[in-house]
Amino acid sequence: MGALENLIRLLSPETQVPDPFDAEEIARRSKDLQWTQERIIDMIATGVAKGIAKAFGK
């Protein structure tokens, strides 16, 4: 299991990570995984922006 799958399970336990050998399941869930990845990126970007703002006292 990869780090991204572990992160998805940690941050969004209701999002199921597909079996890496089930092509049909992966095709059905690829949109959900892409959405989850985008949300993770958004959360990281928000945290970084808040950290930078805090560092510069804004």
PDB file of N, CA and C in Angstrom:
ATOM      1  N   MET A   1       0.849  -1.176   0.000  1.00  0.00           N
ATOM      2  CA  MET A   1       0.000   0.000   0.000  1.00  0.00           C
ATOM      3  C   MET A   1       0.892   1.237   0.000  1.00  0.00           C
ATOM      4  N   GLY A   2       0.543   2.175  -0.843  1.00  0.00           N
ATOM      5  CA  GLY A   2       1.349   3.375  -0.982  1.00  0.00           C
ATOM      6  C   GLY A   2       1.018   4.432   0.050  1.00  0.00           C
ATOM      7  N   ALA A   3       1.882   5.418   0.116  1.00  0.00           N
ATOM      8  CA  ALA A   3       1.712   6.502   1.079  1.00  0.00           C
ATOM      9  C   ALA A   3       0.440   7.300   0.806  1.00  0.00           C
ATOM     10  N   LEU A   4       0.112   7.515  -0.467  1.00  0.00           N
ATOM     11  CA  LEU A   4      -1.096   8.279  -0.792  1.00  0.00           C
ATOM     12  C   LEU A   4      -2.345   7.564  -0.308  1.00  0.00           C
ATOM     13  N   GLU A   5      -2.391   6.248  -0.499  1.00  0.00           N
ATOM     14  CA  GLU A   5      -3.544   5.484  -0.032  1.00  0.00           C
ATOM     15  C   GLU A   5      -3.666   5.568   1.486  1.00  0.00           C
ATOM     16  N   ASN A   6      -2.543   5.493   2.190  1.00  0.00           N
ATOM     17  CA  ASN A   6      -2.568   5.622   3.649  1.00  0.00           C
ATOM     18  C   ASN A   6      -3.047   7.003   4.068  1.00  0.00           C
ATOM     19  N   LEU A   7      -2.599   8.037   3.364  1.00  0.00           N
ATOM     20  CA  LEU A   7      -3.021   9.396   3.684  1.00  0.00           C
ATOM     21  C   LEU A   7      -4.514   9.571   3.438  1.00  0.00           C
ATOM     22  N   ILE A   8      -5.014   9.007   2.343  1.00  0.00           N
ATOM     23  CA  ILE A   8      -6.449   9.084   2.054  1.00  0.00           C
ATOM     24  C   ILE A   8      -7.238   8.404   3.169  1.00  0.00           C
ATOM     25  N   ARG A   9      -6.795   7.224   3.581  1.00  0.00           N
ATOM     26  CA  ARG A   9      -7.497   6.508   4.657  1.00  0.00           C
ATOM     27  C   ARG A   9      -7.461   7.289   5.960  1.00  0.00           C
ATOM     28  N   LEU A  10      -6.349   7.967   6.230  1.00  0.00           N
ATOM     29  CA  LEU A  10      -6.218   8.737   7.464  1.00  0.00           C
ATOM     30  C   LEU A  10      -7.116   9.972   7.443  1.00  0.00           C
ATOM     31  N   LEU A  11      -7.083  10.717   6.340  1.00  0.00           N
ATOM     32  CA  LEU A  11      -7.810  11.983   6.266  1.00  0.00           C
ATOM     33  C   LEU A  11      -9.277  11.825   5.896  1.00  0.00           C
ATOM     34  N   SER A  12      -9.599  10.764   5.192  1.00  0.00           N
ATOM     35  CA  SER A  12     -10.964  10.576   4.720  1.00  0.00           C
ATOM     36  C   SER A  12     -11.324   9.097   4.775  1.00  0.00           C
ATOM     37  N   PRO A  13     -11.563   8.569   5.977  1.00  0.00           N
ATOM     38  CA  PRO A  13     -11.790   7.133   6.113  1.00  0.00           C
ATOM     39  C   PRO A  13     -13.009   6.620   5.348  1.00  0.00           C
ATOM     40  N   GLU A  14     -13.976   7.483   5.041  1.00  0.00           N
ATOM     41  CA  GLU A  14     -15.156   7.023   4.310  1.00  0.00           C
ATOM     42  C   GLU A  14     -14.859   6.800   2.825  1.00  0.00           C
ATOM     43  N   THR A  15     -13.733   7.317   2.335  1.00  0.00           N
ATOM     44  CA  THR A  15     -13.338   7.098   0.945  1.00  0.00           C
ATOM     45  C   THR A  15     -12.579   5.786   0.854  1.00  0.00           C
ATOM     46  N   GLN A  16     -13.153   4.835   0.130  1.00  0.00           N
ATOM     47  CA  GLN A  16     -12.511   3.536   0.001  1.00  0.00           C
ATOM     48  C   GLN A  16     -11.432   3.592  -1.070  1.00  0.00           C
ATOM     49  N   VAL A  17     -10.298   2.994  -0.779  1.00  0.00           N
ATOM     50  CA  VAL A  17      -9.208   2.898  -1.742  1.00  0.00           C
ATOM     51  C   VAL A  17      -9.384   1.575  -2.484  1.00  0.00           C
ATOM     52  N   PRO A  18      -9.422   1.608  -3.814  1.00  0.00           N
ATOM     53  CA  PRO A  18      -9.687   0.381  -4.566  1.00  0.00           C
ATOM     54  C   PRO A  18      -8.540  -0.622  -4.491  1.00  0.00           C
ATOM     55  N   ASP A  19      -8.887  -1.877  -4.687  1.00  0.00           N
ATOM     56  CA  ASP A  19      -7.893  -2.945  -4.792  1.00  0.00           C
ATOM     57  C   ASP A  19      -7.029  -2.652  -6.021  1.00  0.00           C
ATOM     58  N   PRO A  20      -5.711  -2.621  -5.883  1.00  0.00           N
ATOM     59  CA  PRO A  20      -4.858  -2.252  -7.018  1.00  0.00           C
ATOM     60  C   PRO A  20      -4.917  -3.237  -8.184  1.00  0.00           C
ATOM     61  N   PHE A  21      -5.515  -4.418  -7.982  1.00  0.00           N
ATOM     62  CA  PHE A  21      -5.592  -5.412  -9.045  1.00  0.00           C
ATOM     63  C   PHE A  21      -6.981  -5.507  -9.673  1.00  0.00           C
ATOM     64  N   ASP A  22      -7.936  -4.683  -9.227  1.00  0.00           N
ATOM     65  CA  ASP A  22      -9.307  -4.713  -9.740  1.00  0.00           C
ATOM     66  C   ASP A  22      -9.519  -3.520 -10.679  1.00  0.00           C
ATOM     67  N   ALA A  23      -9.325  -3.742 -11.979  1.00  0.00           N
ATOM     68  CA  ALA A  23      -9.387  -2.656 -12.959  1.00  0.00           C
ATOM     69  C   ALA A  23     -10.764  -1.998 -13.006  1.00  0.00           C
ATOM     70  N   GLU A  24     -11.838  -2.783 -12.912  1.00  0.00           N
ATOM     71  CA  GLU A  24     -13.182  -2.200 -12.954  1.00  0.00           C
ATOM     72  C   GLU A  24     -13.429  -1.307 -11.746  1.00  0.00           C
ATOM     73  N   GLU A  25     -13.012  -1.762 -10.582  1.00  0.00           N
ATOM     74  CA  GLU A  25     -13.188  -0.968  -9.362  1.00  0.00           C
ATOM     75  C   GLU A  25     -12.380   0.325  -9.446  1.00  0.00           C
ATOM     76  N   ILE A  26     -11.174   0.229  -9.955  1.00  0.00           N
ATOM     77  CA  ILE A  26     -10.334   1.420 -10.101  1.00  0.00           C
ATOM     78  C   ILE A  26     -10.995   2.413 -11.052  1.00  0.00           C
ATOM     79  N   ALA A  27     -11.536   1.925 -12.157  1.00  0.00           N
ATOM     80  CA  ALA A  27     -12.207   2.807 -13.116  1.00  0.00           C
ATOM     81  C   ALA A  27     -13.395   3.511 -12.476  1.00  0.00           C
ATOM     82  N   ARG A  28     -14.168   2.782 -11.658  1.00  0.00           N
ATOM     83  CA  ARG A  28     -15.334   3.393 -11.000  1.00  0.00           C
ATOM     84  C   ARG A  28     -14.921   4.438  -9.973  1.00  0.00           C
ATOM     85  N   ARG A  29     -13.825   4.187  -9.287  1.00  0.00           N
ATOM     86  CA  ARG A  29     -13.446   5.070  -8.187  1.00  0.00           C
ATOM     87  C   ARG A  29     -12.389   6.105  -8.550  1.00  0.00           C
ATOM     88  N   SER A  30     -11.899   6.084  -9.765  1.00  0.00           N
ATOM     89  CA  SER A  30     -10.820   7.003 -10.121  1.00  0.00           C
ATOM     90  C   SER A  30     -11.246   8.453  -9.947  1.00  0.00           C
ATOM     91  N   LYS A  31     -12.509   8.748 -10.256  1.00  0.00           N
ATOM     92  CA  LYS A  31     -13.005  10.106 -10.066  1.00  0.00           C
ATOM     93  C   LYS A  31     -13.005  10.480  -8.587  1.00  0.00           C
ATOM     94  N   ASP A  32     -13.450   9.548  -7.719  1.00  0.00           N
ATOM     95  CA  ASP A  32     -13.462   9.807  -6.285  1.00  0.00           C
ATOM     96  C   ASP A  32     -12.050  10.012  -5.757  1.00  0.00           C
ATOM     97  N   LEU A  33     -11.111   9.191  -6.227  1.00  0.00           N
ATOM     98  CA  LEU A  33      -9.730   9.327  -5.766  1.00  0.00           C
ATOM     99  C   LEU A  33      -9.126  10.638  -6.237  1.00  0.00           C
ATOM    100  N   GLN A  34      -9.437  11.029  -7.468  1.00  0.00           N
ATOM    101  CA  GLN A  34      -8.929  12.300  -7.973  1.00  0.00           C
ATOM    102  C   GLN A  34      -9.489  13.442  -7.131  1.00  0.00           C
ATOM    103  N   TRP A  35     -10.778  13.390  -6.814  1.00  0.00           N
ATOM    104  CA  TRP A  35     -11.390  14.421  -5.982  1.00  0.00           C
ATOM    105  C   TRP A  35     -10.707  14.459  -4.621  1.00  0.00           C
ATOM    106  N   THR A  36     -10.463  13.278  -4.029  1.00  0.00           N
ATOM    107  CA  THR A  36      -9.825  13.210  -2.720  1.00  0.00           C
ATOM    108  C   THR A  36      -8.412  13.771  -2.783  1.00  0.00           C
ATOM    109  N   GLN A  37      -7.677  13.440  -3.820  1.00  0.00           N
ATOM    110  CA  GLN A  37      -6.325  13.971  -3.971  1.00  0.00           C
ATOM    111  C   GLN A  37      -6.358  15.490  -4.080  1.00  0.00           C
ATOM    112  N   GLU A  38      -7.316  16.020  -4.826  1.00  0.00           N
ATOM    113  CA  GLU A  38      -7.436  17.469  -4.956  1.00  0.00           C
ATOM    114  C   GLU A  38      -7.762  18.107  -3.615  1.00  0.00           C
ATOM    115  N   ARG A  39      -8.618  17.469  -2.806  1.00  0.00           N
ATOM    116  CA  ARG A  39      -8.944  18.014  -1.486  1.00  0.00           C
ATOM    117  C   ARG A  39      -7.716  17.982  -0.574  1.00  0.00           C
ATOM    118  N   ILE A  40      -6.914  16.913  -0.656  1.00  0.00           N
ATOM    119  CA  ILE A  40      -5.697  16.828   0.156  1.00  0.00           C
ATOM    120  C   ILE A  40      -4.751  17.961  -0.223  1.00  0.00           C
ATOM    121  N   ILE A  41      -4.602  18.197  -1.522  1.00  0.00           N
ATOM    122  CA  ILE A  41      -3.745  19.292  -1.984  1.00  0.00           C
ATOM    123  C   ILE A  41      -4.279  20.623  -1.480  1.00  0.00           C
ATOM    124  N   ASP A  42      -5.604  20.817  -1.529  1.00  0.00           N
ATOM    125  CA  ASP A  42      -6.213  22.047  -1.017  1.00  0.00           C
ATOM    126  C   ASP A  42      -5.931  22.224   0.469  1.00  0.00           C
ATOM    127  N   MET A  43      -6.053  21.128   1.252  1.00  0.00           N
ATOM    128  CA  MET A  43      -5.801  21.214   2.694  1.00  0.00           C
ATOM    129  C   MET A  43      -4.348  21.574   2.972  1.00  0.00           C
ATOM    130  N   ILE A  44      -3.429  20.967   2.231  1.00  0.00           N
ATOM    131  CA  ILE A  44      -2.007  21.269   2.416  1.00  0.00           C
ATOM    132  C   ILE A  44      -1.725  22.717   2.051  1.00  0.00           C
ATOM    133  N   ALA A  45      -2.270  23.174   0.921  1.00  0.00           N
ATOM    134  CA  ALA A  45      -2.052  24.551   0.483  1.00  0.00           C
ATOM    135  C   ALA A  45      -2.610  25.546   1.490  1.00  0.00           C
ATOM    136  N   THR A  46      -3.782  25.254   2.040  1.00  0.00           N
ATOM    137  CA  THR A  46      -4.376  26.130   3.049  1.00  0.00           C
ATOM    138  C   THR A  46      -3.502  26.189   4.291  1.00  0.00           C
ATOM    139  N   GLY A  47      -3.007  25.037   4.729  1.00  0.00           N
ATOM    140  CA  GLY A  47      -2.127  25.001   5.900  1.00  0.00           C
ATOM    141  C   GLY A  47      -0.846  25.770   5.675  1.00  0.00           C
ATOM    142  N   VAL A  48      -0.263  25.631   4.493  1.00  0.00           N
ATOM    143  CA  VAL A  48       0.966  26.361   4.172  1.00  0.00           C
ATOM    144  C   VAL A  48       0.687  27.857   4.147  1.00  0.00           C
ATOM    145  N   ALA A  49      -0.413  28.257   3.520  1.00  0.00           N
ATOM    146  CA  ALA A  49      -0.760  29.679   3.450  1.00  0.00           C
ATOM    147  C   ALA A  49      -0.979  30.260   4.841  1.00  0.00           C
ATOM    148  N   LYS A  50      -1.666  29.519   5.718  1.00  0.00           N
ATOM    149  CA  LYS A  50      -1.885  29.993   7.088  1.00  0.00           C
ATOM    150  C   LYS A  50      -0.562  30.099   7.834  1.00  0.00           C
ATOM    151  N   GLY A  51       0.326  29.124   7.632  1.00  0.00           N
ATOM    152  CA  GLY A  51       1.634  29.158   8.285  1.00  0.00           C
ATOM    153  C   GLY A  51       2.460  30.347   7.841  1.00  0.00           C
ATOM    154  N   ILE A  52       2.436  30.636   6.540  1.00  0.00           N
ATOM    155  CA  ILE A  52       3.178  31.790   6.019  1.00  0.00           C
ATOM    156  C   ILE A  52       2.587  33.076   6.564  1.00  0.00           C
ATOM    157  N   ALA A  53       1.257  33.181   6.567  1.00  0.00           N
ATOM    158  CA  ALA A  53       0.605  34.384   7.093  1.00  0.00           C
ATOM    159  C   ALA A  53       0.940  34.580   8.563  1.00  0.00           C
ATOM    160  N   LYS A  54       0.942  33.490   9.328  1.00  0.00           N
ATOM    161  CA  LYS A  54       1.265  33.575  10.750  1.00  0.00           C
ATOM    162  C   LYS A  54       2.720  33.990  10.945  1.00  0.00           C
ATOM    163  N   ALA A  55       3.611  33.464  10.119  1.00  0.00           N
ATOM    164  CA  ALA A  55       5.036  33.792  10.229  1.00  0.00           C
ATOM    165  C   ALA A  55       5.293  35.266   9.962  1.00  0.00           C
ATOM    166  N   PHE A  56       4.501  35.856   9.086  1.00  0.00           N
ATOM    167  CA  PHE A  56       4.683  37.263   8.763  1.00  0.00           C
ATOM    168  C   PHE A  56       3.713  38.164   9.524  1.00  0.00           C
ATOM    169  N   GLY A  57       3.003  37.595  10.488  1.00  0.00           N
ATOM    170  CA  GLY A  57       2.139  38.377  11.361  1.00  0.00           C
ATOM    171  C   GLY A  57       0.912  38.950  10.691  1.00  0.00           C
ATOM    172  N   LYS A  58       0.343  38.241   9.744  1.00  0.00           N
ATOM    173  CA  LYS A  58      -0.863  38.748   9.074  1.00  0.00           C
ATOM    174  C   LYS A  58      -2.051  37.931   9.439  1.00  0.00           C
TER     175      LYS A  58
END
